[in-house]
Amino acid sequence: MLDFMLFWGLTLSFLGKALLGVAVIMVHRKITREKRIDGIVLMEMHREQMMAIFAIALMFVGYLLELAHFGFF
């Protein structure tokens, strides 16, 4: 029973963090499509978008490592 709860706790935690990252990416994408924004700001937004994608990838790898550590594989 505790293994079941641990698995779902890890899974739901990962999904919540990933959804936050996706929301950030969506907001940045919408803002970068605005034509009234300075080019420097657009470059910074694009950089932040790439960092958010990288962060989601790291969260996914961390999730897989946690599952492996606790014996779910």
N, C-alpha and C. Protein backbone atom coordinates (compact mmCIF):
# COMPACT_ATOMS: atom_id res chain seq x y z
N MET A 1 0.82 -1.20 0.00
CA MET A 1 0.00 0.00 0.00
C MET A 1 0.86 1.26 0.00
N LEU A 2 1.94 1.26 0.80
CA LEU A 2 2.80 2.43 0.83
C LEU A 2 3.54 2.62 -0.49
N ASP A 3 3.92 1.51 -1.15
CA ASP A 3 4.56 1.61 -2.46
C ASP A 3 3.62 2.25 -3.47
N PHE A 4 2.35 1.88 -3.40
CA PHE A 4 1.34 2.44 -4.28
C PHE A 4 1.22 3.94 -4.07
N MET A 5 1.18 4.35 -2.81
CA MET A 5 1.07 5.78 -2.49
C MET A 5 2.33 6.54 -2.91
N LEU A 6 3.49 5.94 -2.72
CA LEU A 6 4.74 6.58 -3.12
C LEU A 6 4.78 6.77 -4.62
N PHE A 7 4.40 5.74 -5.36
CA PHE A 7 4.39 5.83 -6.82
C PHE A 7 3.49 6.97 -7.28
N TRP A 8 2.27 7.02 -6.76
CA TRP A 8 1.35 8.06 -7.19
C TRP A 8 1.77 9.44 -6.70
N GLY A 9 2.39 9.50 -5.55
CA GLY A 9 2.90 10.78 -5.07
C GLY A 9 3.99 11.32 -5.98
N LEU A 10 4.93 10.46 -6.38
CA LEU A 10 5.98 10.87 -7.29
C LEU A 10 5.41 11.26 -8.66
N THR A 11 4.47 10.47 -9.13
CA THR A 11 3.88 10.71 -10.45
C THR A 11 3.11 12.03 -10.48
N LEU A 12 2.26 12.25 -9.49
CA LEU A 12 1.46 13.48 -9.47
C LEU A 12 2.33 14.71 -9.26
N SER A 13 3.38 14.57 -8.46
CA SER A 13 4.32 15.67 -8.26
C SER A 13 4.99 16.03 -9.58
N PHE A 14 5.45 15.03 -10.31
CA PHE A 14 6.09 15.28 -11.60
C PHE A 14 5.11 15.94 -12.57
N LEU A 15 3.89 15.43 -12.63
CA LEU A 15 2.91 15.99 -13.56
C LEU A 15 2.58 17.44 -13.24
N GLY A 16 2.48 17.77 -11.96
CA GLY A 16 2.22 19.16 -11.57
C GLY A 16 3.35 20.09 -11.97
N LYS A 17 4.58 19.66 -11.74
CA LYS A 17 5.74 20.48 -12.12
C LYS A 17 5.82 20.62 -13.64
N ALA A 18 5.57 19.54 -14.34
CA ALA A 18 5.63 19.58 -15.81
C ALA A 18 4.55 20.51 -16.36
N LEU A 19 3.35 20.48 -15.78
CA LEU A 19 2.28 21.37 -16.23
C LEU A 19 2.64 22.82 -16.01
N LEU A 20 3.29 23.12 -14.90
CA LEU A 20 3.76 24.49 -14.67
C LEU A 20 4.76 24.91 -15.74
N GLY A 21 5.68 24.01 -16.06
CA GLY A 21 6.66 24.31 -17.11
C GLY A 21 5.99 24.54 -18.46
N VAL A 22 5.02 23.71 -18.78
CA VAL A 22 4.30 23.86 -20.05
C VAL A 22 3.54 25.19 -20.08
N ALA A 23 2.96 25.58 -18.95
CA ALA A 23 2.25 26.87 -18.89
C ALA A 23 3.21 28.02 -19.15
N VAL A 24 4.41 27.95 -18.58
CA VAL A 24 5.42 28.99 -18.81
C VAL A 24 5.79 29.05 -20.29
N ILE A 25 5.98 27.89 -20.89
CA ILE A 25 6.34 27.85 -22.31
C ILE A 25 5.21 28.45 -23.16
N MET A 26 3.97 28.13 -22.83
CA MET A 26 2.84 28.65 -23.60
C MET A 26 2.73 30.17 -23.49
N VAL A 27 2.94 30.70 -22.29
CA VAL A 27 2.88 32.15 -22.11
C VAL A 27 4.00 32.83 -22.89
N HIS A 28 5.21 32.26 -22.80
CA HIS A 28 6.33 32.85 -23.52
C HIS A 28 6.10 32.80 -25.04
N ARG A 29 5.55 31.71 -25.51
CA ARG A 29 5.28 31.58 -26.95
C ARG A 29 4.28 32.65 -27.40
N LYS A 30 3.24 32.85 -26.59
CA LYS A 30 2.23 33.83 -26.94
C LYS A 30 2.82 35.25 -26.95
N ILE A 31 3.66 35.54 -25.97
CA ILE A 31 4.26 36.87 -25.90
C ILE A 31 5.23 37.09 -27.05
N THR A 32 6.00 36.07 -27.41
CA THR A 32 6.98 36.24 -28.49
C THR A 32 6.31 36.44 -29.85
N ARG A 33 5.07 36.05 -29.97
CA ARG A 33 4.35 36.26 -31.24
C ARG A 33 3.82 37.69 -31.38
N GLU A 34 3.85 38.46 -30.28
CA GLU A 34 3.46 39.86 -30.33
C GLU A 34 4.49 40.62 -31.15
N LYS A 35 4.07 41.45 -32.03
CA LYS A 35 4.99 42.19 -32.90
C LYS A 35 5.41 43.53 -32.30
N ARG A 36 4.84 43.91 -31.17
CA ARG A 36 5.14 45.21 -30.59
C ARG A 36 6.20 45.14 -29.50
N ILE A 37 6.91 44.03 -29.39
CA ILE A 37 7.88 43.85 -28.33
C ILE A 37 9.29 44.01 -28.90
N ASP A 38 10.15 44.63 -28.12
CA ASP A 38 11.55 44.87 -28.50
C ASP A 38 12.26 43.55 -28.80
N GLY A 39 13.20 43.60 -29.74
CA GLY A 39 13.95 42.40 -30.15
C GLY A 39 14.77 41.80 -29.02
N ILE A 40 15.32 42.63 -28.15
CA ILE A 40 16.11 42.14 -27.02
C ILE A 40 15.22 41.33 -26.08
N VAL A 41 14.03 41.85 -25.84
CA VAL A 41 13.08 41.14 -24.97
C VAL A 41 12.68 39.81 -25.61
N LEU A 42 12.48 39.81 -26.90
CA LEU A 42 12.11 38.58 -27.60
C LEU A 42 13.21 37.53 -27.50
N MET A 43 14.46 37.97 -27.62
CA MET A 43 15.58 37.02 -27.49
C MET A 43 15.62 36.43 -26.08
N GLU A 44 15.39 37.27 -25.07
CA GLU A 44 15.39 36.78 -23.69
C GLU A 44 14.24 35.81 -23.45
N MET A 45 13.09 36.10 -24.01
CA MET A 45 11.94 35.21 -23.87
C MET A 45 12.22 33.87 -24.53
N HIS A 46 12.86 33.90 -25.67
CA HIS A 46 13.20 32.65 -26.36
C HIS A 46 14.18 31.84 -25.52
N ARG A 47 15.15 32.51 -24.91
CA ARG A 47 16.12 31.83 -24.05
C ARG A 47 15.41 31.20 -22.85
N GLU A 48 14.48 31.93 -22.24
CA GLU A 48 13.73 31.40 -21.11
C GLU A 48 12.88 30.21 -21.52
N GLN A 49 12.35 30.26 -22.73
CA GLN A 49 11.56 29.14 -23.26
C GLN A 49 12.42 27.88 -23.36
N MET A 50 13.63 28.02 -23.88
CA MET A 50 14.54 26.88 -24.01
C MET A 50 14.94 26.34 -22.63
N MET A 51 15.13 27.23 -21.67
CA MET A 51 15.46 26.80 -20.31
C MET A 51 14.30 26.02 -19.70
N ALA A 52 13.07 26.44 -19.96
CA ALA A 52 11.90 25.74 -19.44
C ALA A 52 11.80 24.34 -20.04
N ILE A 53 12.07 24.21 -21.32
CA ILE A 53 12.04 22.89 -21.97
C ILE A 53 13.11 21.99 -21.36
N PHE A 54 14.30 22.54 -21.15
CA PHE A 54 15.39 21.78 -20.53
C PHE A 54 15.02 21.37 -19.10
N ALA A 55 14.36 22.27 -18.37
CA ALA A 55 13.95 21.97 -17.00
C ALA A 55 12.94 20.83 -16.96
N ILE A 56 12.02 20.81 -17.90
CA ILE A 56 11.04 19.72 -17.96
C ILE A 56 11.74 18.41 -18.26
N ALA A 57 12.72 18.44 -19.15
CA ALA A 57 13.48 17.22 -19.47
C ALA A 57 14.21 16.72 -18.23
N LEU A 58 14.82 17.64 -17.47
CA LEU A 58 15.51 17.24 -16.23
C LEU A 58 14.53 16.65 -15.21
N MET A 59 13.35 17.24 -15.11
CA MET A 59 12.34 16.70 -14.18
C MET A 59 11.95 15.28 -14.58
N PHE A 60 11.82 15.04 -15.88
CA PHE A 60 11.44 13.72 -16.35
C PHE A 60 12.53 12.70 -16.03
N VAL A 61 13.79 13.06 -16.27
CA VAL A 61 14.90 12.16 -15.95
C VAL A 61 14.94 11.90 -14.45
N GLY A 62 14.75 12.94 -13.65
CA GLY A 62 14.72 12.77 -12.20
C GLY A 62 13.60 11.85 -11.76
N TYR A 63 12.44 11.98 -12.39
CA TYR A 63 11.31 11.12 -12.08
C TYR A 63 11.65 9.66 -12.37
N LEU A 64 12.26 9.42 -13.53
CA LEU A 64 12.65 8.05 -13.87
C LEU A 64 13.68 7.50 -12.89
N LEU A 65 14.63 8.32 -12.47
CA LEU A 65 15.63 7.89 -11.51
C LEU A 65 15.00 7.57 -10.15
N GLU A 66 14.04 8.39 -9.73
CA GLU A 66 13.34 8.11 -8.47
C GLU A 66 12.59 6.79 -8.55
N LEU A 67 11.91 6.56 -9.66
CA LEU A 67 11.18 5.30 -9.81
C LEU A 67 12.13 4.11 -9.78
N ALA A 68 13.27 4.26 -10.44
CA ALA A 68 14.26 3.17 -10.44
C ALA A 68 14.81 2.96 -9.03
N HIS A 69 15.07 4.02 -8.30
CA HIS A 69 15.62 3.91 -6.95
C HIS A 69 14.66 3.17 -6.02
N PHE A 70 13.39 3.48 -6.13
CA PHE A 70 12.41 2.86 -5.24
C PHE A 70 11.90 1.52 -5.77
N GLY A 71 12.45 1.03 -6.87
CA GLY A 71 12.17 -0.31 -7.34
C GLY A 71 10.89 -0.46 -8.14
N PHE A 72 10.45 0.57 -8.83
CA PHE A 72 9.24 0.46 -9.63
C PHE A 72 9.52 -0.03 -11.04
N PHE A 73 10.79 -0.26 -11.38
CA PHE A 73 11.12 -0.81 -12.69
C PHE A 73 11.52 -2.25 -12.53
